[in-house]
């Protein structure tokens, strides 16, 4: 897993992986900065960790290559970016393309980017939500694996709406990762199929 923040989605996956029937095991957690809650959660659970800071590399290209090497050492079948706030590049996608997922707090393709919750409120939508996508070279533009709707309430501000989206997001990521590792997945164009039920 790759994290940048508190690691609440990571914790949900750590908890899910405690059940052998879930079918997944977290082999490592990487971060793009020191002192993240996600790394602390991983260390508390006995999961190997690494940090690959962008500022430690001479440029983004070299950072991307170093991140690729770090991840490759653990031989993951699937990479989950959970609140990871860096875009990966060509080297990373060349190694892990089609095997990296990310979550986004909006019903893509609506409201991509860093301010999706604020943008949804400003637009006046009555329903927003979260998406789990396969990562590609764009910003929140990869094929959609799963989505969950969250109603926008009349009294919502950005903080209250985002908190409800995060609850749905954790559940959606755990469900999606579990189905992917148990049943496999395939991609045809922009359509992703998870096992026989996708």
N, C-alpha and C. Protein backbone atom coordinates (compact mmCIF):
# COMPACT_ATOMS: atom_id res chain seq x y z
N UNK A 1 0.83 -1.19 0.00
CA UNK A 1 0.00 0.00 0.00
C UNK A 1 0.87 1.24 0.00
N UNK A 2 0.35 2.31 -0.58
CA UNK A 2 1.02 3.59 -0.58
C UNK A 2 0.12 4.60 0.12
N UNK A 3 0.69 5.35 1.08
CA UNK A 3 -0.10 6.27 1.88
C UNK A 3 0.63 7.61 2.00
N UNK A 4 -0.15 8.65 2.32
CA UNK A 4 0.44 9.96 2.60
C UNK A 4 -0.05 10.53 3.92
N UNK A 5 -1.13 9.95 4.46
CA UNK A 5 -1.77 10.58 5.61
C UNK A 5 -1.97 9.67 6.80
N UNK A 6 -3.16 9.76 7.38
CA UNK A 6 -3.45 9.09 8.65
C UNK A 6 -3.57 7.58 8.54
N UNK A 7 -3.91 7.09 7.36
CA UNK A 7 -3.97 5.64 7.16
C UNK A 7 -5.26 4.99 7.61
N UNK A 8 -6.38 5.71 7.54
CA UNK A 8 -7.65 5.11 7.97
C UNK A 8 -8.09 4.00 7.01
N UNK A 9 -7.86 4.17 5.72
CA UNK A 9 -8.19 3.09 4.78
C UNK A 9 -7.24 1.92 4.99
N UNK A 10 -5.97 2.21 5.23
CA UNK A 10 -5.01 1.16 5.55
C UNK A 10 -5.47 0.37 6.76
N UNK A 11 -5.92 1.05 7.80
CA UNK A 11 -6.36 0.35 9.00
C UNK A 11 -7.55 -0.55 8.71
N UNK A 12 -8.47 -0.07 7.88
CA UNK A 12 -9.62 -0.90 7.49
C UNK A 12 -9.16 -2.15 6.77
N UNK A 13 -8.13 -2.03 5.94
CA UNK A 13 -7.61 -3.21 5.24
C UNK A 13 -6.82 -4.12 6.17
N UNK A 14 -6.07 -3.54 7.11
CA UNK A 14 -5.37 -4.36 8.11
C UNK A 14 -6.39 -5.20 8.87
N UNK A 15 -7.48 -4.58 9.29
CA UNK A 15 -8.52 -5.29 10.02
C UNK A 15 -9.14 -6.38 9.16
N UNK A 16 -9.42 -6.07 7.89
CA UNK A 16 -10.02 -7.06 7.00
C UNK A 16 -9.09 -8.24 6.75
N UNK A 17 -7.79 -7.96 6.63
CA UNK A 17 -6.82 -9.02 6.34
C UNK A 17 -6.64 -9.98 7.52
N UNK A 18 -7.11 -9.60 8.70
CA UNK A 18 -7.03 -10.49 9.87
C UNK A 18 -7.93 -11.71 9.69
N UNK A 19 -8.92 -11.60 8.81
CA UNK A 19 -9.80 -12.73 8.49
C UNK A 19 -9.20 -13.50 7.33
N UNK A 20 -8.80 -14.77 7.53
CA UNK A 20 -8.20 -15.55 6.43
C UNK A 20 -9.10 -15.64 5.20
N UNK A 21 -10.41 -15.55 5.40
CA UNK A 21 -11.33 -15.63 4.27
C UNK A 21 -11.29 -14.40 3.38
N UNK A 22 -10.71 -13.31 3.86
CA UNK A 22 -10.63 -12.11 3.04
C UNK A 22 -9.74 -12.35 1.83
N UNK A 23 -8.67 -13.11 2.03
CA UNK A 23 -7.84 -13.53 0.90
C UNK A 23 -6.65 -12.67 0.57
N UNK A 24 -6.41 -11.60 1.34
CA UNK A 24 -5.30 -10.71 1.03
C UNK A 24 -4.37 -10.59 2.23
N UNK A 25 -3.14 -10.18 1.93
CA UNK A 25 -2.14 -9.90 2.96
C UNK A 25 -1.40 -8.65 2.51
N UNK A 26 -1.20 -7.71 3.43
CA UNK A 26 -0.46 -6.49 3.11
C UNK A 26 1.01 -6.79 3.28
N UNK A 27 1.79 -6.73 2.19
CA UNK A 27 3.20 -7.11 2.25
C UNK A 27 4.10 -5.94 2.65
N UNK A 28 3.65 -4.70 2.43
CA UNK A 28 4.44 -3.53 2.80
C UNK A 28 3.59 -2.28 2.68
N UNK A 29 4.02 -1.23 3.37
CA UNK A 29 3.37 0.07 3.27
C UNK A 29 4.46 1.10 2.99
N UNK A 30 4.27 1.88 1.93
CA UNK A 30 5.20 2.94 1.58
C UNK A 30 4.54 4.29 1.71
N UNK A 31 5.35 5.30 2.01
CA UNK A 31 4.85 6.67 2.13
C UNK A 31 5.76 7.62 1.37
N UNK A 32 5.21 8.80 1.06
CA UNK A 32 5.98 9.81 0.35
C UNK A 32 6.52 10.87 1.29
N UNK A 33 6.32 10.68 2.60
CA UNK A 33 6.87 11.64 3.57
C UNK A 33 7.03 10.95 4.91
N UNK A 34 7.84 11.52 5.75
CA UNK A 34 8.09 10.97 7.08
C UNK A 34 6.94 11.28 8.02
N UNK A 35 6.80 10.43 9.04
CA UNK A 35 5.89 10.71 10.13
C UNK A 35 4.41 10.57 9.84
N UNK A 36 4.05 9.78 8.84
CA UNK A 36 2.63 9.62 8.54
C UNK A 36 1.98 8.65 9.52
N UNK A 37 0.71 8.90 9.76
CA UNK A 37 -0.06 7.97 10.58
C UNK A 37 -0.16 6.61 9.95
N UNK A 38 -0.17 6.57 8.62
CA UNK A 38 -0.24 5.29 7.91
C UNK A 38 0.95 4.41 8.21
N UNK A 39 2.15 4.99 8.17
CA UNK A 39 3.36 4.21 8.48
C UNK A 39 3.33 3.75 9.93
N UNK A 40 2.87 4.60 10.84
CA UNK A 40 2.78 4.21 12.25
C UNK A 40 1.81 3.04 12.43
N UNK A 41 0.69 3.07 11.73
CA UNK A 41 -0.28 1.97 11.81
C UNK A 41 0.34 0.67 11.28
N UNK A 42 1.06 0.78 10.17
CA UNK A 42 1.69 -0.40 9.59
C UNK A 42 2.73 -0.98 10.55
N UNK A 43 3.56 -0.12 11.11
CA UNK A 43 4.59 -0.60 12.04
C UNK A 43 3.95 -1.26 13.26
N UNK A 44 2.85 -0.70 13.76
CA UNK A 44 2.15 -1.30 14.91
C UNK A 44 1.60 -2.68 14.57
N UNK A 45 1.28 -2.89 13.29
CA UNK A 45 0.75 -4.18 12.85
C UNK A 45 1.85 -5.14 12.39
N UNK A 46 3.12 -4.71 12.49
CA UNK A 46 4.23 -5.57 12.08
C UNK A 46 4.42 -5.67 10.59
N UNK A 47 3.94 -4.68 9.84
CA UNK A 47 4.06 -4.68 8.38
C UNK A 47 5.30 -3.87 7.99
N UNK A 48 6.15 -4.39 7.10
CA UNK A 48 7.33 -3.64 6.65
C UNK A 48 6.93 -2.29 6.03
N UNK A 49 7.75 -1.28 6.25
CA UNK A 49 7.45 0.06 5.72
C UNK A 49 8.69 0.64 5.02
N UNK A 50 8.43 1.61 4.18
CA UNK A 50 9.51 2.40 3.57
C UNK A 50 8.98 3.79 3.27
N UNK A 51 9.90 4.74 3.17
CA UNK A 51 9.54 6.11 2.82
C UNK A 51 10.38 6.53 1.62
N UNK A 52 9.72 7.06 0.61
CA UNK A 52 10.42 7.55 -0.57
C UNK A 52 9.95 8.99 -0.80
N UNK A 53 10.72 9.95 -0.27
CA UNK A 53 10.34 11.35 -0.35
C UNK A 53 10.77 11.95 -1.69
N UNK A 54 9.85 12.70 -2.28
CA UNK A 54 10.14 13.34 -3.56
C UNK A 54 11.35 14.26 -3.45
N UNK A 55 11.48 14.97 -2.33
CA UNK A 55 12.58 15.91 -2.16
C UNK A 55 13.95 15.26 -2.06
N UNK A 56 13.99 13.95 -1.82
CA UNK A 56 15.27 13.25 -1.73
C UNK A 56 15.81 12.81 -3.10
N UNK A 57 14.98 12.92 -4.13
CA UNK A 57 15.38 12.54 -5.48
C UNK A 57 15.74 13.79 -6.28
N UNK A 58 16.64 13.67 -7.25
CA UNK A 58 17.00 14.85 -8.04
C UNK A 58 15.86 15.38 -8.90
N UNK A 59 14.91 14.50 -9.27
CA UNK A 59 13.76 14.92 -10.07
C UNK A 59 12.66 13.88 -9.93
N UNK A 60 11.50 14.19 -10.50
CA UNK A 60 10.35 13.27 -10.39
C UNK A 60 10.63 11.93 -11.08
N UNK A 61 11.36 11.97 -12.17
CA UNK A 61 11.68 10.74 -12.90
C UNK A 61 12.44 9.78 -11.99
N UNK A 62 13.46 10.28 -11.31
CA UNK A 62 14.25 9.41 -10.44
C UNK A 62 13.44 8.98 -9.22
N UNK A 63 12.59 9.86 -8.70
CA UNK A 63 11.72 9.47 -7.58
C UNK A 63 10.80 8.33 -8.00
N UNK A 64 10.24 8.45 -9.18
CA UNK A 64 9.35 7.41 -9.70
C UNK A 64 10.10 6.08 -9.84
N UNK A 65 11.32 6.14 -10.33
CA UNK A 65 12.11 4.91 -10.47
C UNK A 65 12.44 4.31 -9.11
N UNK A 66 12.79 5.15 -8.13
CA UNK A 66 13.08 4.65 -6.78
C UNK A 66 11.84 4.03 -6.14
N UNK A 67 10.70 4.68 -6.31
CA UNK A 67 9.45 4.14 -5.77
C UNK A 67 9.13 2.80 -6.42
N UNK A 68 9.37 2.70 -7.70
CA UNK A 68 9.14 1.45 -8.42
C UNK A 68 10.00 0.33 -7.85
N UNK A 69 11.28 0.62 -7.64
CA UNK A 69 12.20 -0.39 -7.08
C UNK A 69 11.76 -0.79 -5.68
N UNK A 70 11.40 0.19 -4.85
CA UNK A 70 10.97 -0.10 -3.49
C UNK A 70 9.75 -1.04 -3.49
N UNK A 71 8.78 -0.73 -4.32
CA UNK A 71 7.58 -1.56 -4.37
C UNK A 71 7.87 -2.94 -4.95
N UNK A 72 8.69 -2.98 -5.99
CA UNK A 72 9.00 -4.25 -6.65
C UNK A 72 9.67 -5.24 -5.69
N UNK A 73 10.45 -4.73 -4.75
CA UNK A 73 11.14 -5.61 -3.80
C UNK A 73 10.17 -6.50 -3.01
N UNK A 74 8.94 -6.03 -2.82
CA UNK A 74 7.96 -6.79 -2.04
C UNK A 74 7.05 -7.66 -2.91
N UNK A 75 7.22 -7.61 -4.23
CA UNK A 75 6.49 -8.44 -5.19
C UNK A 75 4.98 -8.43 -4.97
N UNK A 76 4.36 -7.25 -4.95
CA UNK A 76 2.91 -7.20 -4.72
C UNK A 76 2.12 -7.64 -5.95
N UNK A 77 1.00 -8.28 -5.71
CA UNK A 77 0.06 -8.60 -6.80
C UNK A 77 -0.81 -7.39 -7.14
N UNK A 78 -1.05 -6.55 -6.13
CA UNK A 78 -1.91 -5.38 -6.27
C UNK A 78 -1.33 -4.27 -5.40
N UNK A 79 -1.32 -3.06 -5.93
CA UNK A 79 -0.88 -1.91 -5.14
C UNK A 79 -2.10 -1.02 -4.89
N UNK A 80 -2.32 -0.72 -3.63
CA UNK A 80 -3.45 0.12 -3.23
C UNK A 80 -2.90 1.47 -2.80
N UNK A 81 -3.28 2.52 -3.51
CA UNK A 81 -2.94 3.88 -3.11
C UNK A 81 -4.11 4.41 -2.30
N UNK A 82 -3.87 4.65 -1.02
CA UNK A 82 -4.95 5.08 -0.12
C UNK A 82 -4.58 6.44 0.46
N UNK A 83 -5.10 7.50 -0.15
CA UNK A 83 -4.71 8.83 0.28
C UNK A 83 -3.28 9.17 -0.09
N UNK A 84 -2.74 8.51 -1.10
CA UNK A 84 -1.38 8.77 -1.58
C UNK A 84 -1.45 9.95 -2.53
N UNK A 85 -0.81 11.06 -2.16
CA UNK A 85 -1.02 12.32 -2.86
C UNK A 85 0.04 12.65 -3.90
N UNK A 86 0.63 11.63 -4.49
CA UNK A 86 1.61 11.84 -5.56
C UNK A 86 1.17 11.05 -6.80
N UNK A 87 1.42 11.64 -7.95
CA UNK A 87 1.17 10.93 -9.20
C UNK A 87 2.38 10.07 -9.54
N UNK A 88 2.14 8.82 -9.88
CA UNK A 88 3.24 7.96 -10.31
C UNK A 88 3.49 8.20 -11.80
N UNK A 89 4.68 7.82 -12.25
CA UNK A 89 5.07 8.10 -13.62
C UNK A 89 5.20 6.86 -14.48
N UNK A 90 5.90 7.03 -15.59
CA UNK A 90 5.99 5.98 -16.60
C UNK A 90 6.69 4.73 -16.10
N UNK A 91 7.75 4.88 -15.32
CA UNK A 91 8.46 3.70 -14.81
C UNK A 91 7.55 2.87 -13.92
N UNK A 92 6.85 3.53 -13.02
CA UNK A 92 5.96 2.83 -12.10
C UNK A 92 4.83 2.15 -12.86
N UNK A 93 4.19 2.87 -13.76
CA UNK A 93 3.08 2.29 -14.52
C UNK A 93 3.56 1.20 -15.47
N UNK A 94 4.80 1.32 -15.95
CA UNK A 94 5.35 0.26 -16.78
C UNK A 94 5.48 -1.05 -16.03
N UNK A 95 5.75 -0.98 -14.74
CA UNK A 95 5.89 -2.17 -13.91
C UNK A 95 4.56 -2.62 -13.32
N UNK A 96 3.72 -1.66 -12.91
CA UNK A 96 2.53 -2.01 -12.15
C UNK A 96 1.21 -1.59 -12.81
N UNK A 97 1.26 -1.15 -14.06
CA UNK A 97 0.04 -0.76 -14.75
C UNK A 97 -0.99 -1.88 -14.75
N UNK A 98 -2.23 -1.52 -14.47
CA UNK A 98 -3.30 -2.51 -14.40
C UNK A 98 -3.36 -3.24 -13.07
N UNK A 99 -2.39 -2.94 -12.17
CA UNK A 99 -2.35 -3.60 -10.86
C UNK A 99 -2.28 -2.59 -9.73
N UNK A 100 -2.59 -1.33 -10.00
CA UNK A 100 -2.59 -0.30 -8.96
C UNK A 100 -3.96 0.36 -8.94
N UNK A 101 -4.55 0.44 -7.74
CA UNK A 101 -5.83 1.10 -7.61
C UNK A 101 -5.69 2.32 -6.71
N UNK A 102 -6.63 3.24 -6.89
CA UNK A 102 -6.67 4.45 -6.09
C UNK A 102 -8.13 4.73 -5.76
N UNK A 103 -8.34 5.49 -4.71
CA UNK A 103 -9.69 5.89 -4.33
C UNK A 103 -9.82 7.40 -4.47
N UNK A 104 -11.03 7.84 -4.76
CA UNK A 104 -11.27 9.27 -4.99
C UNK A 104 -12.63 9.64 -4.39
N UNK A 105 -12.72 10.77 -3.65
CA UNK A 105 -13.97 11.13 -2.99
C UNK A 105 -14.97 11.86 -3.88
N UNK A 106 -15.32 11.23 -4.99
CA UNK A 106 -16.37 11.74 -5.88
C UNK A 106 -16.78 10.60 -6.81
N UNK A 107 -17.91 10.79 -7.45
CA UNK A 107 -18.37 9.81 -8.44
C UNK A 107 -17.76 10.19 -9.79
N UNK A 108 -16.55 9.70 -10.04
CA UNK A 108 -15.88 10.00 -11.30
C UNK A 108 -16.73 9.53 -12.47
N UNK A 109 -16.65 10.23 -13.62
CA UNK A 109 -15.68 11.26 -13.97
C UNK A 109 -16.00 12.66 -13.45
N UNK A 110 -17.05 12.81 -12.64
CA UNK A 110 -17.35 14.13 -12.08
C UNK A 110 -16.34 14.49 -10.99
N UNK A 111 -15.94 15.72 -10.96
CA UNK A 111 -15.13 16.32 -9.89
C UNK A 111 -13.80 15.60 -9.62
N UNK A 112 -12.95 15.48 -10.63
CA UNK A 112 -11.60 14.97 -10.39
C UNK A 112 -10.76 16.02 -9.68
N UNK A 113 -9.58 15.61 -9.22
CA UNK A 113 -8.65 16.58 -8.62
C UNK A 113 -8.73 16.62 -7.11
N UNK A 114 -7.96 17.55 -6.53
CA UNK A 114 -7.78 17.60 -5.08
C UNK A 114 -8.96 18.18 -4.31
N UNK A 115 -9.87 18.92 -4.96
CA UNK A 115 -10.93 19.61 -4.24
C UNK A 115 -12.31 19.09 -4.62
N UNK A 116 -12.42 17.79 -4.79
CA UNK A 116 -13.66 17.21 -5.32
C UNK A 116 -14.86 17.43 -4.41
N UNK A 117 -14.67 17.34 -3.09
CA UNK A 117 -15.80 17.52 -2.18
C UNK A 117 -16.28 18.97 -2.23
N UNK A 118 -15.35 19.90 -2.16
CA UNK A 118 -15.70 21.32 -2.26
C UNK A 118 -16.38 21.61 -3.60
N UNK A 119 -15.84 21.05 -4.67
CA UNK A 119 -16.39 21.29 -6.00
C UNK A 119 -17.81 20.74 -6.13
N UNK A 120 -18.05 19.56 -5.55
CA UNK A 120 -19.40 18.97 -5.61
C UNK A 120 -20.40 19.84 -4.86
N UNK A 121 -20.00 20.34 -3.69
CA UNK A 121 -20.89 21.23 -2.93
C UNK A 121 -21.16 22.51 -3.70
N UNK A 122 -20.13 23.08 -4.28
CA UNK A 122 -20.29 24.33 -5.01
C UNK A 122 -21.20 24.16 -6.23
N UNK A 123 -21.16 22.99 -6.83
CA UNK A 123 -21.99 22.73 -8.01
C UNK A 123 -23.45 22.49 -7.64
N UNK A 124 -23.68 22.11 -6.37
CA UNK A 124 -25.05 21.90 -5.92
C UNK A 124 -25.60 20.52 -6.18
N UNK A 125 -24.74 19.53 -6.34
CA UNK A 125 -25.23 18.17 -6.59
C UNK A 125 -25.97 17.66 -5.36
N UNK A 126 -26.91 16.77 -5.56
CA UNK A 126 -27.68 16.17 -4.47
C UNK A 126 -27.09 14.83 -4.04
N UNK A 127 -26.27 14.24 -4.91
CA UNK A 127 -25.61 12.96 -4.61
C UNK A 127 -24.17 13.06 -5.08
N UNK A 128 -23.25 12.65 -4.24
CA UNK A 128 -21.85 12.50 -4.63
C UNK A 128 -21.43 11.12 -4.15
N UNK A 129 -20.17 10.92 -3.81
CA UNK A 129 -19.78 9.59 -3.35
C UNK A 129 -18.29 9.37 -3.49
N UNK A 130 -17.93 8.14 -3.80
CA UNK A 130 -16.52 7.80 -3.94
C UNK A 130 -16.36 6.76 -5.03
N UNK A 131 -15.15 6.71 -5.57
CA UNK A 131 -14.82 5.79 -6.67
C UNK A 131 -13.52 5.09 -6.37
N UNK A 132 -13.42 3.84 -6.79
CA UNK A 132 -12.15 3.12 -6.79
C UNK A 132 -11.81 2.87 -8.25
N UNK A 133 -10.61 3.29 -8.65
CA UNK A 133 -10.22 3.22 -10.05
C UNK A 133 -8.87 2.51 -10.19
N UNK A 134 -8.62 2.00 -11.39
CA UNK A 134 -7.27 1.58 -11.77
C UNK A 134 -6.49 2.83 -12.13
N UNK A 135 -5.29 2.93 -11.66
CA UNK A 135 -4.48 4.12 -11.91
C UNK A 135 -3.91 4.08 -13.33
N UNK A 136 -4.02 5.21 -14.01
CA UNK A 136 -3.37 5.38 -15.31
C UNK A 136 -2.51 6.64 -15.26
N UNK A 137 -2.09 7.12 -16.40
CA UNK A 137 -1.17 8.27 -16.42
C UNK A 137 -1.86 9.60 -16.15
N UNK A 138 -3.18 9.63 -16.12
CA UNK A 138 -3.90 10.88 -15.90
C UNK A 138 -4.21 11.14 -14.44
N UNK A 139 -4.96 12.20 -14.20
CA UNK A 139 -5.40 12.56 -12.85
C UNK A 139 -6.83 12.06 -12.66
N UNK A 140 -7.00 11.04 -11.84
CA UNK A 140 -8.32 10.47 -11.54
C UNK A 140 -9.05 10.06 -12.82
N UNK A 141 -8.31 9.54 -13.78
CA UNK A 141 -8.90 9.26 -15.09
C UNK A 141 -8.93 7.78 -15.46
N UNK A 142 -8.47 6.90 -14.57
CA UNK A 142 -8.40 5.49 -14.90
C UNK A 142 -9.75 4.80 -14.94
N UNK A 143 -9.80 3.59 -15.47
CA UNK A 143 -11.04 2.82 -15.51
C UNK A 143 -11.62 2.61 -14.11
N UNK A 144 -12.94 2.72 -14.01
CA UNK A 144 -13.63 2.65 -12.72
C UNK A 144 -13.90 1.20 -12.34
N UNK A 145 -13.47 0.83 -11.12
CA UNK A 145 -13.72 -0.50 -10.58
C UNK A 145 -15.02 -0.57 -9.80
N UNK A 146 -15.27 0.44 -8.96
CA UNK A 146 -16.44 0.42 -8.09
C UNK A 146 -16.76 1.84 -7.64
N UNK A 147 -18.03 2.07 -7.32
CA UNK A 147 -18.46 3.37 -6.82
C UNK A 147 -19.53 3.19 -5.75
N UNK A 148 -19.61 4.15 -4.85
CA UNK A 148 -20.66 4.17 -3.84
C UNK A 148 -21.21 5.59 -3.75
N UNK A 149 -22.52 5.70 -3.68
CA UNK A 149 -23.18 7.01 -3.62
C UNK A 149 -23.33 7.47 -2.18
N UNK A 150 -23.19 8.77 -1.99
CA UNK A 150 -23.39 9.40 -0.68
C UNK A 150 -24.28 10.62 -0.91
N UNK A 151 -25.43 10.71 -0.24
CA UNK A 151 -26.29 11.87 -0.43
C UNK A 151 -25.68 13.13 0.16
N UNK A 152 -25.96 14.24 -0.48
CA UNK A 152 -25.54 15.55 0.03
C UNK A 152 -26.72 16.11 0.82
N UNK A 153 -26.51 16.36 2.10
CA UNK A 153 -27.57 16.86 2.97
C UNK A 153 -27.60 18.39 2.95
N UNK A 154 -28.77 18.95 3.25
CA UNK A 154 -28.94 20.41 3.16
C UNK A 154 -27.95 21.16 4.05
N UNK A 155 -27.63 20.61 5.21
CA UNK A 155 -26.73 21.32 6.12
C UNK A 155 -25.26 21.00 5.95
N UNK A 156 -24.92 20.25 4.93
CA UNK A 156 -23.53 19.82 4.76
C UNK A 156 -22.60 20.99 4.47
N UNK A 157 -21.42 20.92 5.08
CA UNK A 157 -20.29 21.72 4.63
C UNK A 157 -19.23 20.73 4.15
N UNK A 158 -18.10 21.24 3.72
CA UNK A 158 -17.09 20.36 3.15
C UNK A 158 -16.63 19.30 4.15
N UNK A 159 -16.47 19.68 5.41
CA UNK A 159 -15.97 18.73 6.42
C UNK A 159 -16.98 17.62 6.71
N UNK A 160 -18.25 17.96 6.88
CA UNK A 160 -19.24 16.93 7.23
C UNK A 160 -19.47 15.99 6.06
N UNK A 161 -19.54 16.54 4.86
CA UNK A 161 -19.74 15.69 3.69
C UNK A 161 -18.53 14.78 3.47
N UNK A 162 -17.34 15.34 3.61
CA UNK A 162 -16.13 14.53 3.38
C UNK A 162 -16.04 13.40 4.40
N UNK A 163 -16.45 13.65 5.63
CA UNK A 163 -16.40 12.61 6.66
C UNK A 163 -17.32 11.44 6.30
N UNK A 164 -18.52 11.74 5.79
CA UNK A 164 -19.43 10.66 5.39
C UNK A 164 -18.90 9.93 4.16
N UNK A 165 -18.26 10.65 3.25
CA UNK A 165 -17.66 10.00 2.08
C UNK A 165 -16.55 9.06 2.52
N UNK A 166 -15.73 9.47 3.50
CA UNK A 166 -14.64 8.63 3.97
C UNK A 166 -15.14 7.30 4.53
N UNK A 167 -16.27 7.32 5.22
CA UNK A 167 -16.85 6.08 5.75
C UNK A 167 -17.20 5.14 4.59
N UNK A 168 -17.87 5.69 3.57
CA UNK A 168 -18.23 4.88 2.40
C UNK A 168 -16.98 4.41 1.66
N UNK A 169 -15.98 5.27 1.60
CA UNK A 169 -14.73 4.98 0.88
C UNK A 169 -14.01 3.79 1.51
N UNK A 170 -13.91 3.76 2.83
CA UNK A 170 -13.24 2.65 3.51
C UNK A 170 -13.94 1.33 3.20
N UNK A 171 -15.26 1.33 3.29
CA UNK A 171 -16.02 0.12 3.01
C UNK A 171 -15.85 -0.31 1.56
N UNK A 172 -15.87 0.65 0.64
CA UNK A 172 -15.76 0.34 -0.78
C UNK A 172 -14.39 -0.23 -1.13
N UNK A 173 -13.32 0.37 -0.56
CA UNK A 173 -11.97 -0.12 -0.84
C UNK A 173 -11.80 -1.55 -0.32
N UNK A 174 -12.24 -1.79 0.91
CA UNK A 174 -12.10 -3.13 1.49
C UNK A 174 -12.86 -4.15 0.64
N UNK A 175 -14.09 -3.83 0.27
CA UNK A 175 -14.89 -4.75 -0.55
C UNK A 175 -14.23 -4.99 -1.91
N UNK A 176 -13.75 -3.92 -2.55
CA UNK A 176 -13.16 -4.04 -3.89
C UNK A 176 -11.86 -4.84 -3.85
N UNK A 177 -10.98 -4.53 -2.90
CA UNK A 177 -9.72 -5.27 -2.79
C UNK A 177 -10.00 -6.74 -2.52
N UNK A 178 -10.92 -7.03 -1.62
CA UNK A 178 -11.25 -8.42 -1.31
C UNK A 178 -11.73 -9.18 -2.54
N UNK A 179 -12.61 -8.57 -3.31
CA UNK A 179 -13.12 -9.24 -4.51
C UNK A 179 -12.02 -9.40 -5.56
N UNK A 180 -11.16 -8.39 -5.70
CA UNK A 180 -10.08 -8.48 -6.69
C UNK A 180 -9.13 -9.63 -6.36
N UNK A 181 -8.73 -9.74 -5.10
CA UNK A 181 -7.74 -10.77 -4.76
C UNK A 181 -8.36 -12.16 -4.76
N UNK A 182 -9.64 -12.25 -4.45
CA UNK A 182 -10.28 -13.58 -4.44
C UNK A 182 -10.68 -14.05 -5.83
N UNK A 183 -11.13 -13.14 -6.68
CA UNK A 183 -11.71 -13.54 -7.96
C UNK A 183 -10.92 -13.10 -9.19
N UNK A 184 -9.94 -12.22 -9.01
CA UNK A 184 -9.19 -11.71 -10.16
C UNK A 184 -9.96 -10.61 -10.88
N UNK A 185 -9.31 -10.01 -11.87
CA UNK A 185 -9.95 -8.93 -12.61
C UNK A 185 -9.37 -8.88 -14.01
N UNK A 186 -10.13 -8.29 -14.91
CA UNK A 186 -9.67 -8.11 -16.29
C UNK A 186 -10.12 -6.74 -16.77
N UNK A 187 -9.39 -6.21 -17.73
CA UNK A 187 -9.66 -4.87 -18.25
C UNK A 187 -9.81 -4.94 -19.76
N UNK A 188 -10.90 -4.38 -20.27
CA UNK A 188 -11.10 -4.23 -21.71
C UNK A 188 -11.47 -2.78 -21.95
N UNK A 189 -10.52 -2.02 -22.49
CA UNK A 189 -10.75 -0.60 -22.69
C UNK A 189 -10.96 0.07 -21.34
N UNK A 190 -12.11 0.70 -21.16
CA UNK A 190 -12.43 1.36 -19.89
C UNK A 190 -13.28 0.49 -18.99
N UNK A 191 -13.59 -0.71 -19.40
CA UNK A 191 -14.43 -1.58 -18.60
C UNK A 191 -13.58 -2.56 -17.81
N UNK A 192 -13.81 -2.62 -16.51
CA UNK A 192 -13.09 -3.54 -15.63
C UNK A 192 -14.08 -4.56 -15.11
N UNK A 193 -13.69 -5.82 -15.18
CA UNK A 193 -14.55 -6.91 -14.70
C UNK A 193 -13.82 -7.61 -13.56
N UNK A 194 -14.49 -7.72 -12.42
CA UNK A 194 -13.94 -8.46 -11.29
C UNK A 194 -14.62 -9.82 -11.24
N UNK A 195 -13.83 -10.87 -11.51
CA UNK A 195 -14.33 -12.23 -11.46
C UNK A 195 -15.59 -12.43 -12.28
N UNK A 196 -16.40 -13.37 -11.84
CA UNK A 196 -17.63 -13.68 -12.56
C UNK A 196 -18.73 -12.70 -12.23
N UNK A 197 -18.57 -11.97 -11.10
CA UNK A 197 -19.64 -11.08 -10.66
C UNK A 197 -19.46 -9.64 -11.13
N UNK A 198 -18.27 -9.34 -11.76
CA UNK A 198 -18.01 -7.96 -12.16
C UNK A 198 -18.78 -7.58 -13.34
